[in-house]
Amino acid sequence: MSIIHHDEAFRDRAAMLAMRAMIALSGSFSIEPSARKDYDLLIARTKIAEGIETSQAIVAGVSGWWVTPAGARAEDGAVLYVHGGGYVLGSAEAYRGLASQIASRAGRPVFVIDYALAPEKPFPAAYDDVSKAYAELASATSGRVALMGDSAGGGAVLSVAMNRADAVPAPLAIVAYSPWVDPALEGESMVTRGDVDPILNRQSLADGARQYLVGAGVSDPRVNALKADFAKLPPVRIDVGDDEILLDDSLRFEALAGEAGRQVEAHVWKGMVHVFPTNVAMLKASAQALDGTAEFLKRHF
């Protein structure tokens, strides 16, 4: 099994205590359209890295933002980033900061996609948008595209890669932060981490699944990566917090990939919570995970 455990830095322990206190004061996290503005404000706290240009664009009819290091060209290879938010929240504009931290380290342009959100546009709208954008980028770059996403976006990029048409080339690699791969919510960490996860709870994820999966089943491989075709899986790096209810989504995915003979690195970070790499200004672990992401991407590019 390729599971790498990372200890918690002393300074991160203090930062996480402060973060937990702040989250406790702000109330429970909800995945509802009414939370979109607050979610974007939270995600946008990740600052745009120096030397990065951002511009709006459309790929395969889907809007988004290019986040590009100086001198880099998408034609030479790019990363398609799919944001989190339970298929209900999130925007490419808000995620430019996180994407810029990846782009500056990896030296590659990142396209953050504004896929269709539920409940206005339920399943398979998000899956279809990501699939179309990936296929067009793969064609434009002669297959030199990596996929990346967090939370629901992390699950989406895994599903898109594993269910792609045979005529569409495989991504060079995939990076997923705290991926939500199982809308059936069957992982043991839903219970074992329920008391320590300050961000997500079973009900919030169930709310997201309810709004997205209108008329669809939780075992559809286009939304449940545990049910997809592992034979099509390229090399994967996963970063997940040890204190989040989605921990077992990552561990079960890694185990199934291993059984299929696929290469998956699952990095488990002690004391960390959901999508902790966004907190690069506060957490040493965030910078380490981002640096590891860049090294992984460079290796496969």
Protein backbone atom coordinates (compact mmCIF):
# COMPACT_ATOMS: atom_id res chain seq x y z
CA MET A 1 0.00 0.00 0.00
CA SER A 2 1.32 3.49 -0.93
CA ILE A 3 0.13 5.41 2.12
CA ILE A 4 2.53 8.05 3.41
CA HIS A 5 1.87 9.50 6.86
CA HIS A 6 3.04 13.03 7.72
CA ASP A 7 3.46 14.18 11.32
CA GLU A 8 2.00 17.46 12.51
CA ALA A 9 4.41 20.37 12.88
CA PHE A 10 4.34 22.08 16.27
CA ARG A 11 3.44 25.44 14.74
CA ASP A 12 0.62 23.83 12.78
CA ARG A 13 -0.88 22.41 15.96
CA ALA A 14 -1.26 25.90 17.39
CA ALA A 15 -2.62 27.24 14.10
CA MET A 16 -5.17 24.45 13.87
CA LEU A 17 -6.42 25.15 17.40
CA ALA A 18 -7.00 28.76 16.41
CA MET A 19 -8.65 27.72 13.15
CA ARG A 20 -10.96 25.27 14.92
CA ALA A 21 -12.02 27.98 17.37
CA MET A 22 -12.78 30.36 14.50
CA ILE A 23 -14.80 27.71 12.64
CA ALA A 24 -16.75 26.87 15.82
CA LEU A 25 -17.78 30.52 16.16
CA SER A 26 -18.93 30.76 12.53
CA GLY A 27 -21.41 27.88 12.87
CA SER A 28 -21.99 24.67 10.95
CA PHE A 29 -21.03 24.31 7.30
CA SER A 30 -23.86 23.96 4.80
CA ILE A 31 -23.88 22.90 1.16
CA GLU A 32 -26.73 25.03 -0.12
CA PRO A 33 -26.89 27.76 -2.80
CA SER A 34 -27.32 30.38 -0.07
CA ALA A 35 -23.75 29.61 1.11
CA ARG A 36 -22.06 30.36 -2.22
CA LYS A 37 -20.95 33.90 -1.42
CA ASP A 38 -19.45 32.96 1.96
CA TYR A 39 -17.74 29.90 0.48
CA ASP A 40 -16.12 31.97 -2.26
CA LEU A 41 -14.94 34.56 0.26
CA LEU A 42 -13.34 31.80 2.32
CA ILE A 43 -11.59 30.12 -0.63
CA ALA A 44 -10.43 33.44 -2.08
CA ARG A 45 -8.32 34.07 1.04
CA THR A 46 -5.58 32.04 -0.63
CA LYS A 47 -3.52 34.79 -2.22
CA ILE A 48 -2.53 34.80 -5.87
CA ALA A 49 1.18 34.01 -6.11
CA GLU A 50 3.65 36.53 -7.52
CA GLY A 51 4.42 36.36 -11.21
CA ILE A 52 1.06 34.81 -12.10
CA GLU A 53 -1.32 36.17 -14.72
CA THR A 54 -5.04 35.37 -14.64
CA SER A 55 -7.53 35.68 -17.49
CA GLN A 56 -11.04 34.50 -18.23
CA ALA A 57 -11.52 32.02 -21.05
CA ILE A 58 -13.84 29.41 -22.48
CA VAL A 59 -12.77 25.82 -23.14
CA ALA A 60 -15.17 23.46 -24.92
CA GLY A 61 -18.00 25.89 -24.28
CA VAL A 62 -17.32 26.00 -20.53
CA SER A 63 -16.07 29.19 -18.89
CA GLY A 64 -13.21 29.40 -16.43
CA TRP A 65 -9.95 31.16 -15.58
CA TRP A 66 -6.45 30.56 -16.85
CA VAL A 67 -3.83 30.97 -14.12
CA THR A 68 -0.48 31.18 -15.87
CA PRO A 69 3.16 31.56 -14.76
CA ALA A 70 5.28 34.00 -16.75
CA GLY A 71 6.57 32.43 -19.95
CA ALA A 72 4.44 29.25 -19.70
CA ARG A 73 2.26 28.16 -22.62
CA ALA A 74 -0.80 25.93 -22.38
CA GLU A 75 0.14 24.24 -25.67
CA ASP A 76 3.22 22.81 -23.94
CA GLY A 77 1.16 21.19 -21.20
CA ALA A 78 -1.44 22.32 -18.69
CA VAL A 79 -3.41 21.38 -15.59
CA LEU A 80 -7.21 21.29 -15.54
CA TYR A 81 -8.41 22.16 -12.02
CA VAL A 82 -11.91 21.22 -10.79
CA HIS A 83 -12.98 23.03 -7.62
CA GLY A 84 -14.78 21.63 -4.64
CA GLY A 85 -18.02 22.66 -2.97
CA GLY A 86 -20.19 19.55 -2.99
CA TYR A 87 -21.26 20.18 -6.61
CA VAL A 88 -23.30 23.13 -5.27
CA LEU A 89 -20.71 25.74 -4.20
CA GLY A 90 -17.51 27.23 -5.58
CA SER A 91 -16.28 29.24 -8.53
CA ALA A 92 -13.20 29.37 -10.72
CA GLU A 93 -12.63 33.02 -9.80
CA ALA A 94 -12.47 32.24 -6.08
CA TYR A 95 -10.04 29.35 -6.68
CA ARG A 96 -7.50 31.42 -8.61
CA GLY A 97 -5.36 31.80 -5.49
CA LEU A 98 -5.02 28.08 -4.86
CA ALA A 99 -4.49 27.43 -8.57
CA SER A 100 -1.75 30.08 -8.64
CA GLN A 101 0.11 28.37 -5.81
CA ILE A 102 0.14 25.20 -7.91
CA ALA A 103 0.97 26.96 -11.19
CA SER A 104 3.89 28.90 -9.73
CA ARG A 105 5.43 25.79 -8.17
CA ALA A 106 4.83 23.43 -11.10
CA GLY A 107 5.60 25.98 -13.81
CA ARG A 108 2.45 25.04 -15.72
CA PRO A 109 -0.69 26.96 -16.70
CA VAL A 110 -3.77 25.90 -14.76
CA PHE A 111 -7.29 26.21 -16.14
CA VAL A 112 -9.89 26.38 -13.36
CA ILE A 113 -13.25 25.36 -14.75
CA ASP A 114 -16.63 26.90 -13.84
CA TYR A 115 -18.61 23.70 -14.28
CA ALA A 116 -22.40 23.73 -13.91
CA LEU A 117 -23.61 23.74 -10.31
CA ALA A 118 -26.53 21.95 -8.69
CA PRO A 119 -29.37 22.20 -7.93
CA GLU A 120 -29.91 24.41 -10.99
CA LYS A 121 -28.05 21.91 -13.17
CA PRO A 122 -27.96 18.45 -11.58
CA PHE A 123 -26.05 15.30 -12.54
CA PRO A 124 -24.49 14.68 -15.00
CA ALA A 125 -23.98 18.37 -15.84
CA ALA A 126 -20.76 18.83 -13.83
CA TYR A 127 -19.31 15.53 -15.07
CA ASP A 128 -20.12 16.43 -18.68
CA ASP A 129 -18.55 19.90 -18.40
CA VAL A 130 -15.31 18.52 -16.96
CA SER A 131 -15.21 15.73 -19.55
CA LYS A 132 -15.66 18.17 -22.45
CA ALA A 133 -13.03 20.58 -21.16
CA TYR A 134 -10.53 17.80 -20.55
CA ALA A 135 -11.02 16.28 -24.01
CA GLU A 136 -10.47 19.67 -25.68
CA LEU A 137 -7.37 20.47 -23.63
CA ALA A 138 -5.97 17.00 -24.31
CA SER A 139 -6.46 17.54 -28.02
CA ALA A 140 -4.89 21.02 -27.95
CA THR A 141 -1.81 19.83 -26.04
CA SER A 142 -1.24 16.44 -27.68
CA GLY A 143 -2.31 14.75 -24.45
CA ARG A 144 -0.09 16.79 -22.12
CA VAL A 145 -2.73 17.50 -19.49
CA ALA A 146 -2.89 16.66 -15.79
CA LEU A 147 -6.13 16.68 -13.84
CA MET A 148 -6.50 18.15 -10.38
CA GLY A 149 -9.33 18.87 -7.97
CA ASP A 150 -10.40 19.13 -4.36
CA SER A 151 -13.32 17.56 -2.48
CA ALA A 152 -16.14 17.00 -5.00
CA GLY A 153 -13.76 18.23 -7.70
CA GLY A 154 -11.23 15.63 -6.61
CA GLY A 155 -13.81 12.91 -7.01
CA ALA A 156 -14.87 14.35 -10.35
CA VAL A 157 -11.39 14.29 -11.91
CA LEU A 158 -10.91 10.67 -10.85
CA SER A 159 -14.26 9.67 -12.34
CA VAL A 160 -13.66 11.59 -15.57
CA ALA A 161 -10.28 9.93 -16.09
CA MET A 162 -11.60 6.44 -15.37
CA ASN A 163 -14.72 6.75 -17.51
CA ARG A 164 -13.26 8.60 -20.47
CA ALA A 165 -13.89 7.38 -24.01
CA ASP A 166 -11.19 5.15 -25.49
CA ALA A 167 -10.40 7.82 -28.09
CA VAL A 168 -9.53 10.34 -25.35
CA PRO A 169 -5.94 10.00 -24.04
CA ALA A 170 -5.30 9.41 -20.36
CA PRO A 171 -4.21 12.36 -18.22
CA LEU A 172 -0.49 12.41 -17.50
CA ALA A 173 -1.34 12.36 -13.79
CA ILE A 174 -4.03 13.29 -11.27
CA VAL A 175 -3.77 15.17 -7.98
CA ALA A 176 -6.73 15.14 -5.59
CA TYR A 177 -7.04 17.05 -2.33
CA SER A 178 -9.48 15.44 0.13
CA PRO A 179 -11.46 13.82 -2.70
CA TRP A 180 -15.13 12.99 -2.20
CA VAL A 181 -15.41 9.78 -4.19
CA ASP A 182 -18.35 8.04 -2.51
CA PRO A 183 -21.73 9.82 -2.46
CA ALA A 184 -23.14 6.76 -0.65
CA LEU A 185 -21.16 8.00 2.40
CA GLU A 186 -20.12 4.49 3.44
CA GLY A 187 -16.61 5.19 4.73
CA GLU A 188 -15.93 4.35 8.39
CA SER A 189 -14.40 7.80 8.94
CA MET A 190 -17.88 9.26 8.55
CA VAL A 191 -18.26 8.00 12.12
CA THR A 192 -14.70 7.70 13.46
CA ARG A 193 -13.77 11.27 12.45
CA GLY A 194 -17.19 12.78 13.01
CA ASP A 195 -16.21 14.38 16.31
CA VAL A 196 -12.93 15.89 15.10
CA ASP A 197 -13.85 17.21 11.63
CA PRO A 198 -14.74 20.90 12.13
CA ILE A 199 -15.73 21.55 8.52
CA LEU A 200 -17.78 18.69 7.11
CA ASN A 201 -20.45 16.43 8.54
CA ARG A 202 -22.48 13.59 7.11
CA GLN A 203 -25.59 15.74 6.74
CA SER A 204 -23.84 18.45 4.72
CA LEU A 205 -22.49 15.86 2.28
CA ALA A 206 -25.89 14.19 2.06
CA ASP A 207 -27.37 17.60 1.21
CA GLY A 208 -24.87 18.04 -1.60
CA ALA A 209 -25.56 14.57 -2.98
CA ARG A 210 -29.32 15.14 -2.80
CA GLN A 211 -29.11 18.32 -4.87
CA TYR A 212 -26.68 16.96 -7.46
CA LEU A 213 -27.85 13.38 -7.90
CA VAL A 214 -31.41 14.12 -9.00
CA GLY A 215 -32.67 10.95 -10.66
CA ALA A 216 -29.26 9.25 -10.42
CA GLY A 217 -27.86 6.54 -8.17
CA VAL A 218 -24.98 6.83 -5.71
CA SER A 219 -23.20 3.94 -7.44
CA ASP A 220 -23.00 5.57 -10.87
CA PRO A 221 -19.27 5.47 -11.76
CA ARG A 222 -19.51 9.01 -13.16
CA VAL A 223 -19.91 10.26 -9.60
CA ASN A 224 -18.66 7.33 -7.51
CA ALA A 225 -15.01 6.75 -8.41
CA LEU A 226 -14.92 3.57 -6.31
CA LYS A 227 -17.15 1.98 -8.98
CA ALA A 228 -15.20 3.19 -12.02
CA ASP A 229 -12.71 1.40 -14.31
CA PHE A 230 -9.37 1.33 -12.47
CA ALA A 231 -7.66 -0.05 -15.56
CA LYS A 232 -7.88 3.47 -17.02
CA LEU A 233 -6.36 5.19 -13.99
CA PRO A 234 -3.12 7.17 -14.52
CA PRO A 235 -0.68 7.87 -11.64
CA VAL A 236 -2.44 9.62 -8.75
CA ARG A 237 -1.37 11.65 -5.74
CA ILE A 238 -3.91 12.20 -2.94
CA ASP A 239 -3.49 14.55 0.02
CA VAL A 240 -6.00 14.15 2.84
CA GLY A 241 -6.25 15.24 6.47
CA ASP A 242 -6.28 12.65 9.23
CA ASP A 243 -9.03 14.63 10.98
CA GLU A 244 -11.65 14.64 8.23
CA ILE A 245 -14.67 12.45 7.62
CA LEU A 246 -13.58 11.88 4.01
CA LEU A 247 -10.35 10.17 5.08
CA ASP A 248 -11.67 6.71 4.20
CA ASP A 249 -12.74 7.84 0.74
CA SER A 250 -9.04 8.32 -0.01
CA LEU A 251 -7.89 5.15 1.73
CA ARG A 252 -10.51 2.92 0.09
CA PHE A 253 -9.69 4.39 -3.31
CA GLU A 254 -5.97 3.76 -2.78
CA ALA A 255 -6.66 0.17 -1.74
CA LEU A 256 -8.79 -0.58 -4.81
CA ALA A 257 -6.22 1.04 -7.08
CA GLY A 258 -3.50 -1.10 -5.51
CA GLU A 259 -5.53 -4.24 -6.12
CA ALA A 260 -5.80 -3.20 -9.77
CA GLY A 261 -2.04 -2.62 -9.98
CA ARG A 262 -2.34 1.14 -10.39
CA GLN A 263 0.02 3.74 -8.92
CA VAL A 264 -1.59 5.85 -6.17
CA GLU A 265 0.24 7.82 -3.46
CA ALA A 266 -2.05 8.64 -0.54
CA HIS A 267 -0.53 11.27 1.74
CA VAL A 268 -2.25 11.40 5.14
CA TRP A 269 -1.50 14.54 7.17
CA LYS A 270 -1.88 14.32 10.95
CA GLY A 271 -4.04 17.02 12.52
CA MET A 272 -5.13 18.41 9.16
CA VAL A 273 -8.68 19.03 7.99
CA HIS A 274 -10.57 19.17 4.71
CA VAL A 275 -8.58 20.66 1.79
CA PHE A 276 -5.92 22.06 4.14
CA PRO A 277 -3.56 23.11 1.27
CA THR A 278 -5.70 26.25 0.83
CA ASN A 279 -4.24 27.58 4.11
CA VAL A 280 -0.74 28.13 2.72
CA ALA A 281 -0.29 31.40 4.63
CA MET A 282 -0.97 29.66 7.95
CA LEU A 283 0.10 26.03 7.78
CA LYS A 284 3.52 24.50 7.14
CA ALA A 285 1.73 21.33 5.97
CA SER A 286 -0.06 23.33 3.27
CA ALA A 287 3.19 24.50 1.70
CA GLN A 288 4.64 21.01 1.98
CA ALA A 289 1.61 19.48 0.25
CA LEU A 290 1.76 22.09 -2.51
CA ASP A 291 5.49 21.47 -2.98
CA GLY A 292 4.81 17.73 -3.14
CA THR A 293 2.08 18.36 -5.72
CA ALA A 294 4.51 20.33 -7.90
CA GLU A 295 7.19 17.64 -7.67
CA PHE A 296 4.64 14.97 -8.60
CA LEU A 297 3.35 16.97 -11.57
CA LYS A 298 6.84 17.82 -12.84
CA ARG A 299 7.82 14.16 -12.64
CA HIS A 300 4.93 13.09 -14.85
CA PHE A 301 5.09 16.01 -17.26
